[in-house]
N, C-alpha and C. Protein backbone atom coordinates (compact mmCIF):
# COMPACT_ATOMS: atom_id res chain seq x y z
N MET A 1 0.85 -1.17 0.00
CA MET A 1 0.00 0.00 0.00
C MET A 1 0.90 1.24 0.00
N SER A 2 0.61 2.17 -0.88
CA SER A 2 1.42 3.39 -0.98
C SER A 2 1.04 4.38 0.11
N TRP A 3 1.92 5.36 0.34
CA TRP A 3 1.61 6.41 1.32
C TRP A 3 0.38 7.19 0.89
N PHE A 4 0.15 7.32 -0.45
CA PHE A 4 -1.01 8.05 -0.94
C PHE A 4 -2.31 7.32 -0.56
N ASP A 5 -2.31 5.99 -0.67
CA ASP A 5 -3.49 5.21 -0.29
C ASP A 5 -3.78 5.36 1.20
N VAL A 6 -2.73 5.33 2.01
CA VAL A 6 -2.90 5.51 3.46
C VAL A 6 -3.46 6.90 3.74
N LEU A 7 -2.90 7.92 3.10
CA LEU A 7 -3.36 9.29 3.29
C LEU A 7 -4.83 9.44 2.91
N LYS A 8 -5.23 8.86 1.77
CA LYS A 8 -6.63 8.95 1.34
C LYS A 8 -7.54 8.32 2.38
N PHE A 9 -7.14 7.18 2.93
CA PHE A 9 -7.97 6.50 3.93
C PHE A 9 -8.11 7.35 5.18
N GLU A 10 -7.00 7.91 5.67
CA GLU A 10 -7.05 8.69 6.89
C GLU A 10 -7.86 9.97 6.72
N MET A 11 -7.91 10.54 5.51
CA MET A 11 -8.63 11.78 5.29
C MET A 11 -10.14 11.58 5.32
N CYS A 12 -10.60 10.35 5.21
CA CYS A 12 -12.04 10.08 5.26
C CYS A 12 -12.56 10.18 6.69
N GLU A 13 -11.69 9.99 7.63
CA GLU A 13 -12.08 9.98 9.04
C GLU A 13 -12.06 11.40 9.58
N GLY A 14 -13.06 11.73 10.40
CA GLY A 14 -13.09 13.09 10.93
C GLY A 14 -13.84 13.19 12.24
N LEU A 15 -13.81 14.40 12.78
CA LEU A 15 -14.49 14.69 14.03
C LEU A 15 -15.65 15.63 13.75
N SER A 16 -16.80 15.31 14.30
CA SER A 16 -18.00 16.13 14.14
C SER A 16 -18.45 16.60 15.51
N LEU A 17 -18.61 17.91 15.65
CA LEU A 17 -19.13 18.49 16.89
C LEU A 17 -20.50 19.10 16.57
N ASN A 18 -21.50 18.67 17.29
CA ASN A 18 -22.87 19.18 17.14
C ASN A 18 -23.21 19.92 18.42
N VAL A 19 -23.41 21.23 18.28
CA VAL A 19 -23.52 22.10 19.45
C VAL A 19 -24.86 22.84 19.42
N ASP A 20 -25.56 22.83 20.53
CA ASP A 20 -26.76 23.65 20.72
C ASP A 20 -26.43 24.73 21.72
N MET A 21 -26.69 25.98 21.35
CA MET A 21 -26.43 27.11 22.23
C MET A 21 -27.74 27.82 22.50
N PHE A 22 -28.01 28.08 23.77
CA PHE A 22 -29.25 28.73 24.20
C PHE A 22 -28.93 30.00 24.97
N TRP A 23 -29.78 31.01 24.81
CA TRP A 23 -29.66 32.27 25.55
C TRP A 23 -30.93 32.50 26.34
N ASN A 24 -30.81 33.10 27.53
CA ASN A 24 -31.99 33.37 28.34
C ASN A 24 -32.74 34.59 27.79
N LYS A 25 -33.90 34.86 28.38
CA LYS A 25 -34.77 35.93 27.86
C LYS A 25 -34.19 37.32 28.01
N LYS A 26 -33.23 37.50 28.90
CA LYS A 26 -32.64 38.83 29.08
C LYS A 26 -31.51 39.12 28.10
N ALA A 27 -30.99 38.09 27.48
CA ALA A 27 -29.84 38.27 26.57
C ALA A 27 -30.28 38.88 25.24
N LYS A 28 -29.43 39.73 24.69
CA LYS A 28 -29.67 40.30 23.36
C LYS A 28 -29.22 39.26 22.34
N VAL A 29 -30.15 38.88 21.45
CA VAL A 29 -29.83 37.85 20.46
C VAL A 29 -30.11 38.31 19.02
N ASP A 30 -29.95 39.60 18.79
CA ASP A 30 -30.18 40.12 17.44
C ASP A 30 -29.28 39.46 16.40
N PHE A 31 -28.11 38.98 16.82
CA PHE A 31 -27.19 38.32 15.90
C PHE A 31 -27.76 37.02 15.34
N LEU A 32 -28.84 36.50 15.95
CA LEU A 32 -29.48 35.28 15.46
C LEU A 32 -30.48 35.57 14.33
N LYS A 33 -30.74 36.83 14.06
CA LYS A 33 -31.70 37.22 13.02
C LYS A 33 -31.01 37.35 11.67
N ALA A 34 -31.75 36.97 10.63
CA ALA A 34 -31.20 37.01 9.27
C ALA A 34 -30.70 38.39 8.89
N GLY A 35 -31.37 39.44 9.34
CA GLY A 35 -30.96 40.79 9.01
C GLY A 35 -29.59 41.15 9.56
N ASN A 36 -29.12 40.38 10.52
CA ASN A 36 -27.81 40.63 11.14
C ASN A 36 -26.84 39.47 10.91
N TYR A 37 -27.08 38.66 9.89
CA TYR A 37 -26.28 37.45 9.68
C TYR A 37 -24.78 37.73 9.55
N ARG A 38 -24.44 38.92 9.07
CA ARG A 38 -23.01 39.23 8.86
C ARG A 38 -22.20 39.14 10.16
N THR A 39 -22.83 39.45 11.28
CA THR A 39 -22.13 39.37 12.57
C THR A 39 -21.66 37.94 12.83
N LEU A 40 -22.58 36.99 12.70
CA LEU A 40 -22.20 35.58 12.91
C LEU A 40 -21.27 35.09 11.81
N ALA A 41 -21.55 35.47 10.57
CA ALA A 41 -20.73 35.01 9.45
C ALA A 41 -19.27 35.42 9.65
N ARG A 42 -19.05 36.66 10.04
CA ARG A 42 -17.69 37.16 10.26
C ARG A 42 -17.01 36.37 11.38
N GLU A 43 -17.74 36.13 12.46
CA GLU A 43 -17.14 35.41 13.59
C GLU A 43 -16.89 33.93 13.28
N LEU A 44 -17.72 33.34 12.44
CA LEU A 44 -17.47 31.96 12.03
C LEU A 44 -16.17 31.86 11.23
N GLU A 45 -15.94 32.85 10.39
CA GLU A 45 -14.70 32.84 9.60
C GLU A 45 -13.48 33.08 10.49
N VAL A 46 -13.60 33.97 11.48
CA VAL A 46 -12.51 34.17 12.44
C VAL A 46 -12.30 32.88 13.23
N GLY A 47 -13.40 32.24 13.66
CA GLY A 47 -13.30 30.98 14.39
C GLY A 47 -12.61 29.91 13.58
N ALA A 48 -12.91 29.86 12.28
CA ALA A 48 -12.25 28.88 11.41
C ALA A 48 -10.74 29.11 11.41
N LEU A 49 -10.33 30.34 11.32
CA LEU A 49 -8.89 30.65 11.35
C LEU A 49 -8.27 30.26 12.69
N LYS A 50 -8.99 30.48 13.78
CA LYS A 50 -8.49 30.10 15.10
C LYS A 50 -8.41 28.58 15.24
N GLY A 51 -9.20 27.87 14.46
CA GLY A 51 -9.14 26.41 14.43
C GLY A 51 -8.19 25.88 13.38
N ASN A 52 -7.36 26.77 12.82
CA ASN A 52 -6.39 26.41 11.78
C ASN A 52 -7.03 25.82 10.53
N MET A 53 -8.16 26.40 10.14
CA MET A 53 -8.88 25.94 8.95
C MET A 53 -8.85 27.02 7.88
N LYS A 54 -8.95 26.60 6.64
CA LYS A 54 -8.96 27.52 5.51
C LYS A 54 -10.40 27.65 5.00
N VAL A 55 -10.90 28.89 4.90
CA VAL A 55 -12.24 29.14 4.37
C VAL A 55 -12.17 29.09 2.85
N VAL A 56 -13.04 28.25 2.25
CA VAL A 56 -13.08 28.08 0.81
C VAL A 56 -14.27 28.83 0.20
N ASP A 57 -15.43 28.76 0.88
CA ASP A 57 -16.65 29.38 0.35
C ASP A 57 -17.65 29.54 1.50
N SER A 58 -18.72 30.27 1.24
CA SER A 58 -19.79 30.41 2.24
C SER A 58 -21.11 30.65 1.53
N LYS A 59 -22.21 30.36 2.24
CA LYS A 59 -23.54 30.48 1.63
C LYS A 59 -24.56 30.78 2.71
N LEU A 60 -25.40 31.79 2.47
CA LEU A 60 -26.50 32.15 3.35
C LEU A 60 -27.79 31.61 2.78
N THR A 61 -28.63 31.04 3.65
CA THR A 61 -29.99 30.66 3.29
C THR A 61 -30.93 31.33 4.27
N GLN A 62 -31.87 32.12 3.74
CA GLN A 62 -32.85 32.80 4.58
C GLN A 62 -34.21 32.12 4.42
N TYR A 63 -35.06 32.30 5.41
CA TYR A 63 -36.38 31.68 5.42
C TYR A 63 -37.46 32.74 5.58
N GLY A 64 -38.72 32.32 5.46
CA GLY A 64 -39.85 33.22 5.70
C GLY A 64 -39.86 34.41 4.78
N ASP A 65 -39.76 34.16 3.47
CA ASP A 65 -39.74 35.24 2.48
C ASP A 65 -38.63 36.25 2.77
N LYS A 66 -37.53 35.75 3.30
CA LYS A 66 -36.35 36.56 3.61
C LYS A 66 -36.64 37.67 4.61
N ASN A 67 -37.54 37.39 5.53
CA ASN A 67 -37.85 38.33 6.61
C ASN A 67 -36.60 38.50 7.47
N PRO A 68 -36.12 39.74 7.67
CA PRO A 68 -34.87 39.95 8.42
C PRO A 68 -34.96 39.58 9.90
N ASP A 69 -36.19 39.39 10.42
CA ASP A 69 -36.32 39.00 11.83
C ASP A 69 -36.33 37.49 12.04
N TYR A 70 -36.37 36.74 10.95
CA TYR A 70 -36.39 35.28 11.05
C TYR A 70 -34.97 34.73 11.19
N GLY A 71 -34.89 33.45 11.47
CA GLY A 71 -33.60 32.78 11.56
C GLY A 71 -33.03 32.52 10.19
N PHE A 72 -31.86 31.94 10.17
CA PHE A 72 -31.18 31.66 8.91
C PHE A 72 -30.24 30.47 9.08
N THR A 73 -29.74 30.00 7.96
CA THR A 73 -28.72 28.96 7.92
C THR A 73 -27.52 29.55 7.20
N TYR A 74 -26.35 29.28 7.74
CA TYR A 74 -25.13 29.78 7.11
C TYR A 74 -24.12 28.65 7.06
N LEU A 75 -23.60 28.43 5.87
CA LEU A 75 -22.62 27.37 5.63
C LEU A 75 -21.28 27.99 5.31
N VAL A 76 -20.25 27.51 5.98
CA VAL A 76 -18.88 27.89 5.66
C VAL A 76 -18.18 26.61 5.21
N VAL A 77 -17.77 26.60 3.96
CA VAL A 77 -17.05 25.45 3.42
C VAL A 77 -15.57 25.67 3.70
N LEU A 78 -14.97 24.69 4.33
CA LEU A 78 -13.56 24.76 4.72
C LEU A 78 -12.76 23.72 3.95
N GLY A 79 -11.46 23.88 3.89
CA GLY A 79 -10.63 22.84 3.32
C GLY A 79 -10.82 21.56 4.11
N GLN A 80 -11.33 20.51 3.50
CA GLN A 80 -11.57 19.21 4.13
C GLN A 80 -12.65 19.23 5.21
N SER A 81 -13.55 20.21 5.20
CA SER A 81 -14.54 20.24 6.27
C SER A 81 -15.57 21.33 6.05
N HIS A 82 -16.42 21.53 7.04
CA HIS A 82 -17.43 22.59 6.96
C HIS A 82 -17.92 23.00 8.35
N ILE A 83 -18.52 24.18 8.39
CA ILE A 83 -19.22 24.68 9.57
C ILE A 83 -20.61 25.08 9.08
N VAL A 84 -21.64 24.69 9.82
CA VAL A 84 -23.00 25.11 9.49
C VAL A 84 -23.67 25.60 10.77
N ILE A 85 -24.38 26.73 10.65
CA ILE A 85 -25.20 27.20 11.77
C ILE A 85 -26.64 27.32 11.30
N HIS A 86 -27.53 27.06 12.22
CA HIS A 86 -28.97 27.26 12.02
C HIS A 86 -29.42 28.09 13.22
N THR A 87 -30.17 29.17 12.97
CA THR A 87 -30.59 30.02 14.08
C THR A 87 -32.11 30.10 14.18
N TRP A 88 -32.58 30.22 15.41
CA TRP A 88 -33.99 30.42 15.73
C TRP A 88 -34.06 31.55 16.76
N PRO A 89 -34.12 32.80 16.31
CA PRO A 89 -34.12 33.90 17.28
C PRO A 89 -35.32 33.85 18.22
N GLU A 90 -36.46 33.39 17.74
CA GLU A 90 -37.65 33.34 18.60
C GLU A 90 -37.49 32.31 19.71
N GLU A 91 -36.64 31.32 19.51
CA GLU A 91 -36.36 30.30 20.54
C GLU A 91 -35.06 30.59 21.28
N ARG A 92 -34.34 31.63 20.82
CA ARG A 92 -33.06 32.01 21.41
C ARG A 92 -32.07 30.83 21.34
N LEU A 93 -32.01 30.23 20.15
CA LEU A 93 -31.26 29.00 19.92
C LEU A 93 -30.42 29.10 18.66
N MET A 94 -29.22 28.53 18.75
CA MET A 94 -28.39 28.35 17.57
C MET A 94 -27.81 26.95 17.60
N ASN A 95 -27.92 26.26 16.47
CA ASN A 95 -27.23 24.98 16.28
C ASN A 95 -25.95 25.27 15.51
N LEU A 96 -24.86 24.72 15.96
CA LEU A 96 -23.56 24.88 15.31
C LEU A 96 -23.01 23.49 15.06
N ASP A 97 -22.74 23.18 13.81
CA ASP A 97 -22.15 21.89 13.45
C ASP A 97 -20.79 22.16 12.82
N VAL A 98 -19.76 21.53 13.37
CA VAL A 98 -18.40 21.68 12.85
C VAL A 98 -17.90 20.28 12.53
N PHE A 99 -17.44 20.09 11.29
CA PHE A 99 -16.93 18.79 10.87
C PHE A 99 -15.57 18.98 10.23
N THR A 100 -14.61 18.17 10.65
CA THR A 100 -13.28 18.19 10.03
C THR A 100 -12.92 16.79 9.58
N CYS A 101 -12.20 16.73 8.47
CA CYS A 101 -11.71 15.46 7.92
C CYS A 101 -10.22 15.35 8.17
N GLY A 102 -9.76 14.15 8.48
CA GLY A 102 -8.34 13.95 8.68
C GLY A 102 -7.84 14.70 9.91
N ASN A 103 -6.59 15.10 9.88
CA ASN A 103 -5.98 15.78 11.01
C ASN A 103 -5.95 17.29 10.84
N GLU A 104 -6.64 17.77 9.83
CA GLU A 104 -6.60 19.21 9.55
C GLU A 104 -7.43 19.98 10.56
N GLY A 105 -6.83 20.98 11.16
CA GLY A 105 -7.57 21.89 12.02
C GLY A 105 -8.01 21.32 13.35
N ASN A 106 -8.63 22.19 14.14
CA ASN A 106 -9.12 21.82 15.46
C ASN A 106 -10.54 22.35 15.64
N PRO A 107 -11.55 21.50 15.44
CA PRO A 107 -12.93 21.96 15.55
C PRO A 107 -13.30 22.44 16.95
N LYS A 108 -12.63 21.91 17.97
CA LYS A 108 -12.92 22.34 19.34
C LYS A 108 -12.55 23.80 19.55
N ASN A 109 -11.48 24.26 18.90
CA ASN A 109 -11.10 25.67 19.00
C ASN A 109 -12.15 26.57 18.36
N ILE A 110 -12.75 26.10 17.29
CA ILE A 110 -13.80 26.88 16.61
C ILE A 110 -14.99 27.04 17.55
N VAL A 111 -15.42 25.95 18.16
CA VAL A 111 -16.57 25.99 19.08
C VAL A 111 -16.25 26.89 20.28
N LYS A 112 -15.06 26.74 20.85
CA LYS A 112 -14.68 27.59 22.00
C LYS A 112 -14.70 29.06 21.63
N TYR A 113 -14.21 29.38 20.45
CA TYR A 113 -14.20 30.78 20.03
C TYR A 113 -15.63 31.34 19.93
N ILE A 114 -16.52 30.58 19.30
CA ILE A 114 -17.91 31.04 19.14
C ILE A 114 -18.58 31.17 20.51
N GLN A 115 -18.34 30.21 21.40
CA GLN A 115 -18.89 30.31 22.76
C GLN A 115 -18.40 31.56 23.47
N ASN A 116 -17.11 31.82 23.39
CA ASN A 116 -16.54 33.00 24.06
C ASN A 116 -17.04 34.29 23.45
N ARG A 117 -17.27 34.29 22.16
CA ARG A 117 -17.70 35.51 21.48
C ARG A 117 -19.17 35.84 21.77
N PHE A 118 -20.06 34.81 21.82
CA PHE A 118 -21.49 35.07 21.95
C PHE A 118 -22.07 34.69 23.32
N LYS A 119 -21.31 34.06 24.15
CA LYS A 119 -21.64 33.78 25.55
C LYS A 119 -23.06 33.23 25.78
N PRO A 120 -23.34 32.04 25.24
CA PRO A 120 -24.65 31.44 25.51
C PRO A 120 -24.80 31.10 26.99
N ASP A 121 -26.05 31.07 27.45
CA ASP A 121 -26.31 30.72 28.85
C ASP A 121 -26.25 29.21 29.07
N LYS A 122 -26.49 28.45 28.01
CA LYS A 122 -26.42 27.00 28.11
C LYS A 122 -25.89 26.46 26.78
N THR A 123 -25.01 25.48 26.88
CA THR A 123 -24.44 24.85 25.70
C THR A 123 -24.43 23.34 25.88
N THR A 124 -24.86 22.62 24.87
CA THR A 124 -24.69 21.17 24.86
C THR A 124 -23.85 20.81 23.64
N VAL A 125 -22.92 19.88 23.84
CA VAL A 125 -22.02 19.47 22.76
C VAL A 125 -22.06 17.96 22.63
N LYS A 126 -22.26 17.50 21.40
CA LYS A 126 -22.15 16.07 21.10
C LYS A 126 -20.96 15.93 20.16
N GLN A 127 -20.12 14.96 20.46
CA GLN A 127 -18.92 14.74 19.67
C GLN A 127 -18.99 13.35 19.05
N ASN A 128 -18.75 13.27 17.74
CA ASN A 128 -18.79 11.99 17.03
C ASN A 128 -17.59 11.87 16.11
N LYS A 129 -17.04 10.68 16.04
CA LYS A 129 -16.05 10.39 15.00
C LYS A 129 -16.85 9.92 13.79
N ARG A 130 -16.53 10.48 12.63
CA ARG A 130 -17.24 10.11 11.41
C ARG A 130 -16.28 9.49 10.42
N GLY A 131 -16.83 8.67 9.54
CA GLY A 131 -16.01 8.04 8.51
C GLY A 131 -15.19 6.88 9.01
N VAL A 132 -15.47 6.41 10.22
CA VAL A 132 -14.72 5.29 10.79
C VAL A 132 -15.50 4.01 10.56
N ARG A 133 -14.85 3.04 9.95
CA ARG A 133 -15.50 1.76 9.71
C ARG A 133 -15.06 0.81 10.81
N LYS A 134 -15.99 0.44 11.66
CA LYS A 134 -15.66 -0.39 12.83
C LYS A 134 -15.20 -1.80 12.44
N ASP A 135 -15.60 -2.26 11.25
CA ASP A 135 -15.23 -3.60 10.82
C ASP A 135 -13.83 -3.67 10.23
N ILE A 136 -13.14 -2.54 10.13
CA ILE A 136 -11.81 -2.51 9.53
C ILE A 136 -10.79 -2.16 10.60
N GLU A 137 -9.81 -3.01 10.78
CA GLU A 137 -8.78 -2.82 11.79
C GLU A 137 -7.64 -1.93 11.29
N ASN A 138 -7.29 -2.06 10.00
CA ASN A 138 -6.21 -1.24 9.46
C ASN A 138 -6.44 -0.99 7.98
N VAL A 139 -5.58 -0.17 7.39
CA VAL A 139 -5.76 0.25 6.01
C VAL A 139 -5.76 -0.93 5.04
N ASN A 140 -4.99 -1.96 5.33
CA ASN A 140 -4.92 -3.11 4.42
C ASN A 140 -6.24 -3.86 4.34
N GLU A 141 -7.14 -3.67 5.29
CA GLU A 141 -8.44 -4.33 5.28
C GLU A 141 -9.54 -3.48 4.65
N LYS A 142 -9.16 -2.32 4.16
CA LYS A 142 -10.15 -1.40 3.59
C LYS A 142 -10.89 -2.09 2.45
N VAL A 143 -12.20 -2.15 2.55
CA VAL A 143 -13.02 -2.86 1.58
C VAL A 143 -12.91 -2.25 0.19
N ASP A 144 -12.90 -0.93 0.10
CA ASP A 144 -12.90 -0.29 -1.21
C ASP A 144 -11.52 0.26 -1.59
N LYS A 145 -10.46 -0.48 -1.22
CA LYS A 145 -9.13 -0.06 -1.62
C LYS A 145 -9.01 -0.19 -3.14
N PRO A 146 -8.12 0.57 -3.75
CA PRO A 146 -8.04 0.60 -5.21
C PRO A 146 -7.94 -0.76 -5.89
N SER A 147 -7.27 -1.72 -5.28
CA SER A 147 -7.14 -3.03 -5.93
C SER A 147 -8.48 -3.74 -6.04
N ASN A 148 -9.44 -3.44 -5.18
CA ASN A 148 -10.76 -4.05 -5.26
C ASN A 148 -11.67 -3.36 -6.28
N LEU A 149 -11.25 -2.22 -6.78
CA LEU A 149 -12.10 -1.46 -7.68
C LEU A 149 -11.76 -1.69 -9.15
N ARG A 150 -10.75 -2.50 -9.43
CA ARG A 150 -10.36 -2.75 -10.82
C ARG A 150 -11.41 -3.59 -11.52
N VAL A 151 -11.64 -3.26 -12.77
CA VAL A 151 -12.56 -4.03 -13.60
C VAL A 151 -11.79 -5.23 -14.15
N LYS A 152 -12.40 -6.40 -14.06
CA LYS A 152 -11.74 -7.60 -14.57
C LYS A 152 -11.66 -7.54 -16.09
N GLU A 153 -10.49 -7.86 -16.60
CA GLU A 153 -10.33 -7.90 -18.05
C GLU A 153 -10.78 -9.25 -18.56
N GLU A 154 -11.44 -9.24 -19.69
CA GLU A 154 -11.93 -10.51 -20.26
C GLU A 154 -11.12 -10.90 -21.46
């Protein structure tokens, strides 16, 4: 097995952090509204840099006929990963999902930065390893390794 095959296999594996952030009724949460999405968007990009990630692209999705008081979804595409937020200002809630592939970056630093910047009153974090095949002990056992993908010649 070449170093390239090993590298490809390791890059499939990643860490996913699924975070729910809640604010109490006294907290100002205008940043959760679509009309103010730039505040969160800017901080997500700063957070990505603090997590040693490279921003590749971003996309805003608004709801409710693009009403500026409604929530929104914002996607930041990163090298080998992504960050997605979904906001519900009426519920004082933001979901933050950070996924990294391979050893690139530190998703925990991104979450810490966003927590420190917006200071939610309650945060729950679920951490999952993704892309891990439990039935495979090492790279040589990879089911879809290149040698298994060759078409038989007749």
